[in-house]
Amino acid sequence: MKSTLKFGLVTGLISSVFLFGFFSLVVWLNEKNGWGMQAENIRGIGGLLSIPIQAIGIYMAMQNTKKLTGMLTYGQAIKTGLLVAITIAVIVALFSFLYCQFINPGYAEFMVKDAQKAMVANGESQQQINQHSVMVSKQFTTGAQVMMAIVGQFVTGLIISLIIGLFIKTKSMK
């Protein structure tokens, strides 16, 4: 249990550093080089690229549990994976809070302005832009970002656990 939490903590820290580092670096490169990428897409790409980090952490925790106990049932694999996923979700949510509140307090405003640029480019009317901007501003509040981190990391971890658990569980002897 303790070692499983350690895997979750380390994976959560690595994932958080990657997510926020990737976002910051690519947004900066995007602005510097005029790539024209929307910040929300950069955020999504970073999220997708972080999935292997989570998968490796869950896999290593399951392997460690299997090594310590001598066997690993599918239920134990899922339990281990979920504990790691929950730990990662909490760490990423904490980093999301710190990022939105202290590291980049203008994050929500930046995301809304970036979305508005895309709305203008898509030819939306001022009324449509105003309506969509309200929705976007709600989506990028600190609370919404924390909740998305918790839910997203947990659901991703659950799916990863269900899949990896099938392959890593101890094969039954018949």
C-alpha atoms as a PDB file:
ATOM      1  CA  MET A   1       0.000   0.000   0.000  1.00  0.00           C
ATOM      2  CA  LYS A   2       2.752   2.458   0.958  1.00  0.00           C
ATOM      3  CA  SER A   3       4.775   1.650  -2.144  1.00  0.00           C
ATOM      4  CA  THR A   4       1.644   1.999  -4.300  1.00  0.00           C
ATOM      5  CA  LEU A   5       1.124   5.498  -2.907  1.00  0.00           C
ATOM      6  CA  LYS A   6       4.761   6.312  -3.664  1.00  0.00           C
ATOM      7  CA  PHE A   7       4.235   5.281  -7.286  1.00  0.00           C
ATOM      8  CA  GLY A   8       1.140   7.493  -7.382  1.00  0.00           C
ATOM      9  CA  LEU A   9       2.954  10.468  -5.851  1.00  0.00           C
ATOM     10  CA  VAL A  10       5.956  10.211  -8.146  1.00  0.00           C
ATOM     11  CA  THR A  11       3.790   9.655 -11.224  1.00  0.00           C
ATOM     12  CA  GLY A  12       1.513  12.535 -10.219  1.00  0.00           C
ATOM     13  CA  LEU A  13       4.486  14.870  -9.811  1.00  0.00           C
ATOM     14  CA  ILE A  14       6.024  13.838 -13.129  1.00  0.00           C
ATOM     15  CA  SER A  15       2.664  14.152 -14.875  1.00  0.00           C
ATOM     16  CA  SER A  16       2.009  17.589 -13.366  1.00  0.00           C
ATOM     17  CA  VAL A  17       5.422  18.940 -14.294  1.00  0.00           C
ATOM     18  CA  PHE A  18       4.979  17.568 -17.809  1.00  0.00           C
ATOM     19  CA  LEU A  19       1.433  18.936 -18.237  1.00  0.00           C
ATOM     20  CA  PHE A  20       2.152  22.455 -17.060  1.00  0.00           C
ATOM     21  CA  GLY A  21       5.633  22.582 -18.569  1.00  0.00           C
ATOM     22  CA  PHE A  22       4.380  21.354 -21.949  1.00  0.00           C
ATOM     23  CA  PHE A  23       1.503  23.820 -21.961  1.00  0.00           C
ATOM     24  CA  SER A  24       3.675  26.783 -21.001  1.00  0.00           C
ATOM     25  CA  LEU A  25       6.459  25.897 -23.432  1.00  0.00           C
ATOM     26  CA  VAL A  26       4.209  25.205 -26.422  1.00  0.00           C
ATOM     27  CA  VAL A  27       2.063  28.313 -25.814  1.00  0.00           C
ATOM     28  CA  TRP A  28       5.266  30.367 -25.712  1.00  0.00           C
ATOM     29  CA  LEU A  29       6.611  28.712 -28.889  1.00  0.00           C
ATOM     30  CA  ASN A  30       3.213  29.140 -30.543  1.00  0.00           C
ATOM     31  CA  GLU A  31       3.203  32.876 -29.844  1.00  0.00           C
ATOM     32  CA  LYS A  32       6.878  33.317 -30.738  1.00  0.00           C
ATOM     33  CA  ASN A  33       6.679  31.418 -34.023  1.00  0.00           C
ATOM     34  CA  GLY A  34       3.136  32.369 -35.025  1.00  0.00           C
ATOM     35  CA  TRP A  35       1.938  28.776 -35.400  1.00  0.00           C
ATOM     36  CA  GLY A  36      -1.675  29.827 -34.868  1.00  0.00           C
ATOM     37  CA  MET A  37      -2.556  26.942 -32.576  1.00  0.00           C
ATOM     38  CA  GLN A  38      -5.432  27.491 -30.189  1.00  0.00           C
ATOM     39  CA  ALA A  39      -4.384  27.259 -26.518  1.00  0.00           C
ATOM     40  CA  GLU A  40      -7.203  24.823 -25.783  1.00  0.00           C
ATOM     41  CA  ASN A  41      -5.809  22.466 -28.448  1.00  0.00           C
ATOM     42  CA  ILE A  42      -2.327  22.734 -26.946  1.00  0.00           C
ATOM     43  CA  ARG A  43      -3.834  21.830 -23.589  1.00  0.00           C
ATOM     44  CA  GLY A  44      -5.601  18.825 -25.127  1.00  0.00           C
ATOM     45  CA  ILE A  45      -2.467  17.576 -26.863  1.00  0.00           C
ATOM     46  CA  GLY A  46      -0.551  17.822 -23.589  1.00  0.00           C
ATOM     47  CA  GLY A  47      -3.279  15.817 -21.871  1.00  0.00           C
ATOM     48  CA  LEU A  48      -3.091  13.084 -24.482  1.00  0.00           C
ATOM     49  CA  LEU A  49       0.695  12.983 -24.306  1.00  0.00           C
ATOM     50  CA  SER A  50       0.529  12.593 -20.515  1.00  0.00           C
ATOM     51  CA  ILE A  51      -1.477   9.345 -20.742  1.00  0.00           C
ATOM     52  CA  PRO A  52       1.646   7.181 -21.225  1.00  0.00           C
ATOM     53  CA  ILE A  53       3.147   8.730 -18.090  1.00  0.00           C
ATOM     54  CA  GLN A  54       0.090   7.649 -16.111  1.00  0.00           C
ATOM     55  CA  ALA A  55       0.095   4.213 -17.767  1.00  0.00           C
ATOM     56  CA  ILE A  56       3.762   3.638 -16.885  1.00  0.00           C
ATOM     57  CA  GLY A  57       3.147   4.624 -13.248  1.00  0.00           C
ATOM     58  CA  ILE A  58       0.156   2.298 -12.954  1.00  0.00           C
ATOM     59  CA  TYR A  59       2.018  -0.544 -14.676  1.00  0.00           C
ATOM     60  CA  MET A  60       5.040  -0.162 -12.387  1.00  0.00           C
ATOM     61  CA  ALA A  61       2.827  -0.095  -9.280  1.00  0.00           C
ATOM     62  CA  MET A  62       1.047  -3.265 -10.412  1.00  0.00           C
ATOM     63  CA  GLN A  63       4.369  -4.976 -11.142  1.00  0.00           C
ATOM     64  CA  ASN A  64       5.635  -3.951  -7.715  1.00  0.00           C
ATOM     65  CA  THR A  65       2.515  -5.305  -5.996  1.00  0.00           C
ATOM     66  CA  LYS A  66       2.864  -8.552  -7.941  1.00  0.00           C
ATOM     67  CA  LYS A  67       6.530  -8.816  -6.914  1.00  0.00           C
ATOM     68  CA  LEU A  68       5.781  -8.101  -3.232  1.00  0.00           C
ATOM     69  CA  THR A  69       2.837 -10.505  -2.929  1.00  0.00           C
ATOM     70  CA  GLY A  70       4.039 -13.192  -5.327  1.00  0.00           C
ATOM     71  CA  MET A  71       0.839 -12.980  -7.338  1.00  0.00           C
ATOM     72  CA  LEU A  72      -1.659 -10.455  -8.591  1.00  0.00           C
ATOM     73  CA  THR A  73      -5.339 -11.105  -9.154  1.00  0.00           C
ATOM     74  CA  TYR A  74      -7.307  -8.927 -11.527  1.00  0.00           C
ATOM     75  CA  GLY A  75      -9.060  -7.352  -8.518  1.00  0.00           C
ATOM     76  CA  GLN A  76      -5.739  -6.531  -6.858  1.00  0.00           C
ATOM     77  CA  ALA A  77      -4.470  -5.057 -10.114  1.00  0.00           C
ATOM     78  CA  ILE A  78      -7.544  -2.826 -10.400  1.00  0.00           C
ATOM     79  CA  LYS A  79      -7.278  -1.798  -6.748  1.00  0.00           C
ATOM     80  CA  THR A  80      -3.603  -0.922  -7.193  1.00  0.00           C
ATOM     81  CA  GLY A  81      -4.284   0.978 -10.405  1.00  0.00           C
ATOM     82  CA  LEU A  82      -7.149   2.929  -8.872  1.00  0.00           C
ATOM     83  CA  LEU A  83      -5.086   3.898  -5.842  1.00  0.00           C
ATOM     84  CA  VAL A  84      -2.374   5.209  -8.159  1.00  0.00           C
ATOM     85  CA  ALA A  85      -4.975   6.950 -10.365  1.00  0.00           C
ATOM     86  CA  ILE A  86      -6.620   8.656  -7.386  1.00  0.00           C
ATOM     87  CA  THR A  87      -3.241   9.806  -6.096  1.00  0.00           C
ATOM     88  CA  ILE A  88      -2.289  11.153  -9.526  1.00  0.00           C
ATOM     89  CA  ALA A  89      -5.676  12.906  -9.808  1.00  0.00           C
ATOM     90  CA  VAL A  90      -5.213  14.626  -6.453  1.00  0.00           C
ATOM     91  CA  ILE A  91      -1.652  15.735  -7.287  1.00  0.00           C
ATOM     92  CA  VAL A  92      -2.626  17.065 -10.746  1.00  0.00           C
ATOM     93  CA  ALA A  93      -5.668  18.824  -9.248  1.00  0.00           C
ATOM     94  CA  LEU A  94      -3.436  20.433  -6.617  1.00  0.00           C
ATOM     95  CA  PHE A  95      -1.022  21.582  -9.332  1.00  0.00           C
ATOM     96  CA  SER A  96      -3.991  22.904 -11.342  1.00  0.00           C
ATOM     97  CA  PHE A  97      -5.086  24.958  -8.348  1.00  0.00           C
ATOM     98  CA  LEU A  98      -1.577  26.293  -7.751  1.00  0.00           C
ATOM     99  CA  TYR A  99      -1.114  27.069 -11.441  1.00  0.00           C
ATOM    100  CA  CYS A 100      -4.425  28.905 -11.839  1.00  0.00           C
ATOM    101  CA  GLN A 101      -4.213  30.788  -8.538  1.00  0.00           C
ATOM    102  CA  PHE A 102      -0.528  31.597  -8.112  1.00  0.00           C
ATOM    103  CA  ILE A 103       1.731  30.613 -11.014  1.00  0.00           C
ATOM    104  CA  ASN A 104      -0.463  31.967 -13.813  1.00  0.00           C
ATOM    105  CA  PRO A 105      -3.385  33.879 -12.261  1.00  0.00           C
ATOM    106  CA  GLY A 106      -4.293  35.260 -15.693  1.00  0.00           C
ATOM    107  CA  TYR A 107      -4.816  31.746 -17.100  1.00  0.00           C
ATOM    108  CA  ALA A 108      -8.631  31.899 -17.324  1.00  0.00           C
ATOM    109  CA  GLU A 109      -8.587  35.329 -18.956  1.00  0.00           C
ATOM    110  CA  PHE A 110      -5.908  34.177 -21.417  1.00  0.00           C
ATOM    111  CA  MET A 111      -7.939  31.098 -22.370  1.00  0.00           C
ATOM    112  CA  VAL A 112     -11.104  33.173 -22.889  1.00  0.00           C
ATOM    113  CA  LYS A 113      -9.266  35.716 -25.076  1.00  0.00           C
ATOM    114  CA  ASP A 114      -7.658  32.920 -27.078  1.00  0.00           C
ATOM    115  CA  ALA A 115     -11.054  31.278 -27.600  1.00  0.00           C
ATOM    116  CA  GLN A 116     -12.528  34.630 -28.663  1.00  0.00           C
ATOM    117  CA  LYS A 117      -9.833  34.974 -31.347  1.00  0.00           C
ATOM    118  CA  ALA A 118     -10.917  31.605 -32.732  1.00  0.00           C
ATOM    119  CA  MET A 119     -14.581  32.670 -32.598  1.00  0.00           C
ATOM    120  CA  VAL A 120     -13.795  35.813 -34.585  1.00  0.00           C
ATOM    121  CA  ALA A 121     -11.774  33.753 -37.092  1.00  0.00           C
ATOM    122  CA  ASN A 122     -14.760  31.393 -37.457  1.00  0.00           C
ATOM    123  CA  GLY A 123     -16.992  34.366 -38.324  1.00  0.00           C
ATOM    124  CA  GLU A 124     -19.210  34.269 -35.247  1.00  0.00           C
ATOM    125  CA  SER A 125     -21.396  37.277 -34.545  1.00  0.00           C
ATOM    126  CA  GLN A 126     -20.733  39.487 -31.521  1.00  0.00           C
ATOM    127  CA  GLN A 127     -23.800  37.980 -29.822  1.00  0.00           C
ATOM    128  CA  GLN A 128     -22.478  34.443 -30.395  1.00  0.00           C
ATOM    129  CA  ILE A 129     -19.040  35.462 -29.159  1.00  0.00           C
ATOM    130  CA  ASN A 130     -20.564  36.938 -25.993  1.00  0.00           C
ATOM    131  CA  GLN A 131     -22.618  33.782 -25.354  1.00  0.00           C
ATOM    132  CA  HIS A 132     -19.712  31.429 -26.001  1.00  0.00           C
ATOM    133  CA  SER A 133     -17.357  33.569 -23.933  1.00  0.00           C
ATOM    134  CA  VAL A 134     -19.580  33.106 -20.873  1.00  0.00           C
ATOM    135  CA  MET A 135     -19.394  29.328 -21.287  1.00  0.00           C
ATOM    136  CA  VAL A 136     -15.641  29.386 -21.883  1.00  0.00           C
ATOM    137  CA  SER A 137     -15.030  31.591 -18.843  1.00  0.00           C
ATOM    138  CA  LYS A 138     -16.941  29.092 -16.662  1.00  0.00           C
ATOM    139  CA  GLN A 139     -14.930  26.225 -18.123  1.00  0.00           C
ATOM    140  CA  PHE A 140     -11.613  27.826 -17.198  1.00  0.00           C
ATOM    141  CA  THR A 141     -12.307  28.914 -13.623  1.00  0.00           C
ATOM    142  CA  THR A 142      -9.932  27.477 -11.056  1.00  0.00           C
ATOM    143  CA  GLY A 143     -12.679  25.269  -9.616  1.00  0.00           C
ATOM    144  CA  ALA A 144     -13.582  23.881 -13.026  1.00  0.00           C
ATOM    145  CA  GLN A 145      -9.925  23.200 -13.806  1.00  0.00           C
ATOM    146  CA  VAL A 146      -9.462  21.347 -10.512  1.00  0.00           C
ATOM    147  CA  MET A 147     -12.597  19.246 -11.120  1.00  0.00           C
ATOM    148  CA  MET A 148     -11.554  18.447 -14.697  1.00  0.00           C
ATOM    149  CA  ALA A 149      -8.151  17.340 -13.428  1.00  0.00           C
ATOM    150  CA  ILE A 150      -9.662  15.060 -10.807  1.00  0.00           C
ATOM    151  CA  VAL A 151     -12.260  13.518 -13.107  1.00  0.00           C
ATOM    152  CA  GLY A 152     -10.017  13.306 -16.170  1.00  0.00           C
ATOM    153  CA  GLN A 153      -7.068  11.739 -14.377  1.00  0.00           C
ATOM    154  CA  PHE A 154      -9.293   9.315 -12.459  1.00  0.00           C
ATOM    155  CA  VAL A 155     -11.266   8.133 -15.510  1.00  0.00           C
ATOM    156  CA  THR A 156      -8.095   7.766 -17.576  1.00  0.00           C
ATOM    157  CA  GLY A 157      -6.462   5.846 -14.731  1.00  0.00           C
ATOM    158  CA  LEU A 158      -9.503   3.587 -14.386  1.00  0.00           C
ATOM    159  CA  ILE A 159      -9.437   2.691 -18.083  1.00  0.00           C
ATOM    160  CA  ILE A 160      -5.674   2.135 -18.010  1.00  0.00           C
ATOM    161  CA  SER A 161      -6.040  -0.064 -14.903  1.00  0.00           C
ATOM    162  CA  LEU A 162      -8.769  -2.178 -16.473  1.00  0.00           C
ATOM    163  CA  ILE A 163      -6.638  -2.787 -19.558  1.00  0.00           C
ATOM    164  CA  ILE A 164      -3.214  -3.281 -17.979  1.00  0.00           C
ATOM    165  CA  GLY A 165      -4.715  -5.432 -15.221  1.00  0.00           C
ATOM    166  CA  LEU A 166      -5.814  -7.965 -17.828  1.00  0.00           C
ATOM    167  CA  PHE A 167      -2.256  -8.446 -19.018  1.00  0.00           C
ATOM    168  CA  ILE A 168      -0.339  -8.213 -15.763  1.00  0.00           C
ATOM    169  CA  LYS A 169      -2.473 -10.383 -13.501  1.00  0.00           C
ATOM    170  CA  THR A 170      -1.036 -13.711 -12.480  1.00  0.00           C
ATOM    171  CA  LYS A 171      -2.144 -16.359 -14.929  1.00  0.00           C
ATOM    172  CA  SER A 172      -4.169 -19.094 -13.261  1.00  0.00           C
ATOM    173  CA  MET A 173      -2.869 -22.634 -13.493  1.00  0.00           C
ATOM    174  CA  LYS A 174      -5.510 -25.083 -14.680  1.00  0.00           C
END
